[in-house]
Amino acid sequence: MQTGTRKTWRTALRDAAIVGSVASLTSLAAMSAHCRRENGSVWAAVNAPSHWIWGNPALGQHRPSVRYTVAGVLVHHLSSGFWALIHTQSLRPFEPGHSLGAHVAGAGLITALAAAVDLAVVPHRLTPGFQHHLSAKALFGVYAMFGIGLLAGTLFTAARDRRRLRAEETKLRSTNKRKTGHEGVTHDG
């Protein structure tokens, strides 16, 4: 882990991959469950993001297929990673000392921003597509699970970073003890 206030891009991308994967999986599970309940097909919502690649015919695919399902999952996963990168870099939730409330607020803010951009700002071709298969209530559930995924991934990564920081501090104290020959007492001059 890089010490200091900024992480390297390599570390930021790794953290975003972890956080984005958790958010992707939780929201994918929610969209599948809601779509099955509302439309009888798990696959319609999963396939829908593939309209980025295959155009509007992807929105009518209700069965699993390599072409639409793999592309849909990949597009959804990459989109989740994009929002996770914004979350991890702009709000920097992994820095020591952030409260649970700060983590919740950060995940909520990015989730609201993602929903607004996904559903109201980007051109039709760049929307998630699953909104064509889900009610407004179900969409809220999908984005809520996305936010919970961001939060869970953030808490996991923050806990990992705190463990690493404690290990580094312990190692540094041990090294300083050996150099001074005393238990935390150093002599000036």
Protein backbone atom coordinates (compact mmCIF):
# COMPACT_ATOMS: atom_id res chain seq x y z
CA MET A 1 0.00 0.00 0.00
CA GLN A 2 1.24 3.44 -0.82
CA THR A 3 1.58 5.70 2.16
CA GLY A 4 0.53 9.33 2.00
CA THR A 5 -2.70 10.90 0.87
CA ARG A 6 -2.78 9.76 -2.77
CA LYS A 7 -2.70 6.26 -4.11
CA THR A 8 -0.92 5.23 -7.26
CA TRP A 9 -3.11 4.54 -10.29
CA ARG A 10 -2.22 0.87 -10.00
CA THR A 11 -3.56 0.79 -6.44
CA ALA A 12 -6.58 2.87 -7.40
CA LEU A 13 -7.42 0.52 -10.28
CA ARG A 14 -7.01 -2.52 -8.03
CA ASP A 15 -9.32 -1.03 -5.41
CA ALA A 16 -11.85 -0.02 -8.08
CA ALA A 17 -11.76 -3.54 -9.51
CA ILE A 18 -12.59 -5.01 -6.10
CA VAL A 19 -15.26 -2.46 -5.22
CA GLY A 20 -16.71 -2.49 -8.74
CA SER A 21 -16.88 -6.28 -8.81
CA VAL A 22 -18.86 -6.40 -5.58
CA ALA A 23 -21.20 -3.64 -6.80
CA SER A 24 -21.60 -5.35 -10.16
CA LEU A 25 -22.47 -8.72 -8.63
CA THR A 26 -24.95 -7.32 -6.10
CA SER A 27 -26.75 -5.19 -8.69
CA LEU A 28 -26.69 -8.01 -11.27
CA ALA A 29 -28.34 -10.31 -8.75
CA ALA A 30 -30.98 -7.67 -7.99
CA MET A 31 -31.73 -6.95 -11.64
CA SER A 32 -32.04 -10.67 -12.40
CA ALA A 33 -34.40 -11.28 -9.50
CA HIS A 34 -36.57 -8.26 -10.29
CA CYS A 35 -36.71 -9.07 -13.99
CA ARG A 36 -37.69 -12.67 -13.31
CA ARG A 37 -40.47 -11.54 -10.99
CA GLU A 38 -41.76 -8.82 -13.31
CA ASN A 39 -41.17 -10.40 -16.74
CA GLY A 40 -40.56 -14.10 -16.16
CA SER A 41 -37.03 -13.89 -17.60
CA VAL A 42 -33.81 -13.53 -15.64
CA TRP A 43 -31.92 -12.99 -18.88
CA ALA A 44 -33.72 -9.98 -20.38
CA ALA A 45 -32.17 -7.54 -17.90
CA VAL A 46 -28.78 -9.29 -17.98
CA ASN A 47 -28.67 -9.19 -21.78
CA ALA A 48 -29.89 -5.59 -22.05
CA PRO A 49 -26.55 -3.79 -21.44
CA SER A 50 -25.21 -5.57 -24.54
CA HIS A 51 -27.20 -3.04 -26.58
CA TRP A 52 -24.03 -0.90 -26.27
CA ILE A 53 -22.45 -3.39 -28.68
CA TRP A 54 -25.33 -5.02 -30.57
CA GLY A 55 -27.85 -2.16 -30.68
CA ASN A 56 -31.58 -2.34 -29.97
CA PRO A 57 -32.02 -6.03 -30.90
CA ALA A 58 -30.23 -6.82 -27.62
CA LEU A 59 -33.13 -5.28 -25.68
CA GLY A 60 -35.44 -8.02 -26.94
CA GLN A 61 -33.27 -10.99 -25.94
CA HIS A 62 -34.95 -13.02 -23.20
CA ARG A 63 -32.80 -16.16 -23.30
CA PRO A 64 -29.17 -16.73 -22.38
CA SER A 65 -26.70 -16.57 -25.24
CA VAL A 66 -23.00 -16.10 -25.67
CA ARG A 67 -23.54 -13.04 -27.85
CA TYR A 68 -25.91 -11.11 -25.58
CA THR A 69 -25.40 -12.52 -22.09
CA VAL A 70 -21.59 -12.42 -22.03
CA ALA A 71 -21.57 -8.95 -23.57
CA GLY A 72 -24.29 -7.75 -21.18
CA VAL A 73 -22.43 -8.97 -18.11
CA LEU A 74 -19.16 -7.52 -19.39
CA VAL A 75 -20.67 -4.09 -20.14
CA HIS A 76 -22.41 -4.03 -16.74
CA HIS A 77 -19.22 -5.09 -14.96
CA LEU A 78 -17.08 -2.47 -16.72
CA SER A 79 -19.67 0.23 -15.98
CA SER A 80 -19.65 -0.76 -12.32
CA GLY A 81 -15.86 -0.57 -12.32
CA PHE A 82 -16.02 2.90 -13.85
CA TRP A 83 -18.32 4.16 -11.08
CA ALA A 84 -16.19 2.41 -8.46
CA LEU A 85 -13.09 4.20 -9.78
CA ILE A 86 -14.87 7.54 -9.49
CA HIS A 87 -15.93 6.55 -5.97
CA THR A 88 -12.47 5.46 -4.85
CA GLN A 89 -10.69 8.44 -6.38
CA SER A 90 -13.03 11.37 -5.87
CA LEU A 91 -14.21 10.54 -2.38
CA ARG A 92 -11.07 8.65 -1.35
CA PRO A 93 -12.97 6.50 1.16
CA PHE A 94 -9.98 4.29 1.90
CA GLU A 95 -7.99 6.87 3.81
CA PRO A 96 -7.68 6.04 7.51
CA GLY A 97 -10.17 7.60 9.87
CA HIS A 98 -13.28 7.62 7.72
CA SER A 99 -16.39 6.77 9.70
CA LEU A 100 -19.03 4.29 8.65
CA GLY A 101 -21.30 7.27 8.02
CA ALA A 102 -18.78 8.75 5.60
CA HIS A 103 -18.57 5.42 3.75
CA VAL A 104 -22.38 5.17 3.55
CA ALA A 105 -22.69 8.77 2.35
CA GLY A 106 -19.98 8.30 -0.27
CA ALA A 107 -21.54 5.12 -1.65
CA GLY A 108 -24.96 6.76 -1.66
CA LEU A 109 -23.72 9.84 -3.48
CA ILE A 110 -21.99 7.85 -6.23
CA THR A 111 -25.02 5.56 -6.57
CA ALA A 112 -27.34 8.55 -7.01
CA LEU A 113 -24.95 10.08 -9.53
CA ALA A 114 -24.68 6.79 -11.44
CA ALA A 115 -28.47 6.41 -11.60
CA ALA A 116 -28.94 10.00 -12.77
CA VAL A 117 -26.27 9.73 -15.46
CA ASP A 118 -27.33 6.23 -16.55
CA LEU A 119 -31.03 7.00 -16.82
CA ALA A 120 -31.26 10.70 -17.65
CA VAL A 121 -28.00 12.12 -19.03
CA VAL A 122 -26.32 9.72 -21.46
CA PRO A 123 -27.64 9.02 -24.96
CA HIS A 124 -29.98 6.02 -25.31
CA ARG A 125 -27.20 3.80 -26.68
CA LEU A 126 -25.18 4.26 -23.46
CA THR A 127 -28.01 3.65 -21.00
CA PRO A 128 -27.87 0.37 -19.06
CA GLY A 129 -30.77 -1.03 -21.08
CA PHE A 130 -32.23 -3.00 -18.18
CA GLN A 131 -34.55 -0.08 -17.43
CA HIS A 132 -36.67 -1.30 -20.38
CA HIS A 133 -37.46 -4.49 -18.45
CA LEU A 134 -37.93 -3.16 -14.92
CA SER A 135 -40.43 -1.00 -13.07
CA ALA A 136 -39.32 2.18 -11.32
CA LYS A 137 -39.49 0.33 -7.99
CA ALA A 138 -37.28 -2.46 -9.34
CA LEU A 139 -34.81 0.08 -10.76
CA PHE A 140 -34.59 1.65 -7.32
CA GLY A 141 -33.84 -1.83 -5.91
CA VAL A 142 -31.10 -2.45 -8.49
CA TYR A 143 -29.40 0.85 -7.76
CA ALA A 144 -29.84 0.34 -4.00
CA MET A 145 -28.04 -3.00 -4.30
CA PHE A 146 -25.35 -1.31 -6.40
CA GLY A 147 -24.85 1.17 -3.55
CA ILE A 148 -24.73 -1.64 -0.99
CA GLY A 149 -22.13 -3.35 -3.18
CA LEU A 150 -20.05 -0.16 -3.34
CA LEU A 151 -20.27 0.12 0.43
CA ALA A 152 -19.40 -3.54 1.06
CA GLY A 153 -16.44 -3.42 -1.34
CA THR A 154 -15.25 -0.16 0.20
CA LEU A 155 -15.46 -1.53 3.74
CA PHE A 156 -13.59 -4.68 2.71
CA THR A 157 -10.81 -2.72 1.02
CA ALA A 158 -10.60 -0.16 3.82
CA ALA A 159 -10.27 -2.96 6.40
CA ARG A 160 -7.52 -4.57 4.31
CA ASP A 161 -5.68 -1.24 4.10
CA ARG A 162 -5.97 -0.69 7.87
CA ARG A 163 -4.51 -4.17 8.49
CA ARG A 164 -1.61 -3.40 6.14
CA LEU A 165 -1.01 -0.03 7.77
CA ARG A 166 -0.95 -1.60 11.25
CA ALA A 167 1.49 -4.26 10.02
CA GLU A 168 3.76 -1.59 8.54
CA GLU A 169 3.63 0.44 11.77
CA THR A 170 4.43 -2.65 13.85
CA LYS A 171 7.37 -3.47 11.59
CA LEU A 172 8.64 0.12 11.82
CA ARG A 173 8.40 0.11 15.63
CA SER A 174 10.26 -3.20 15.75
CA THR A 175 13.00 -1.82 13.50
CA ASN A 176 13.30 1.33 15.64
CA LYS A 177 13.58 -0.76 18.82
CA ARG A 178 16.45 -2.73 17.33
CA LYS A 179 18.25 0.43 16.23
CA THR A 180 17.98 2.12 19.63
CA GLY A 181 18.37 -0.97 21.72
CA HIS A 182 15.58 0.20 23.98
CA GLU A 183 11.85 -0.27 24.24
CA GLY A 184 10.71 2.94 22.55
CA VAL A 185 13.26 5.19 24.31
CA THR A 186 15.62 7.12 22.10
CA HIS A 187 18.49 9.32 23.18
CA ASP A 188 18.93 12.74 21.71
CA GLY A 189 22.31 14.04 20.71
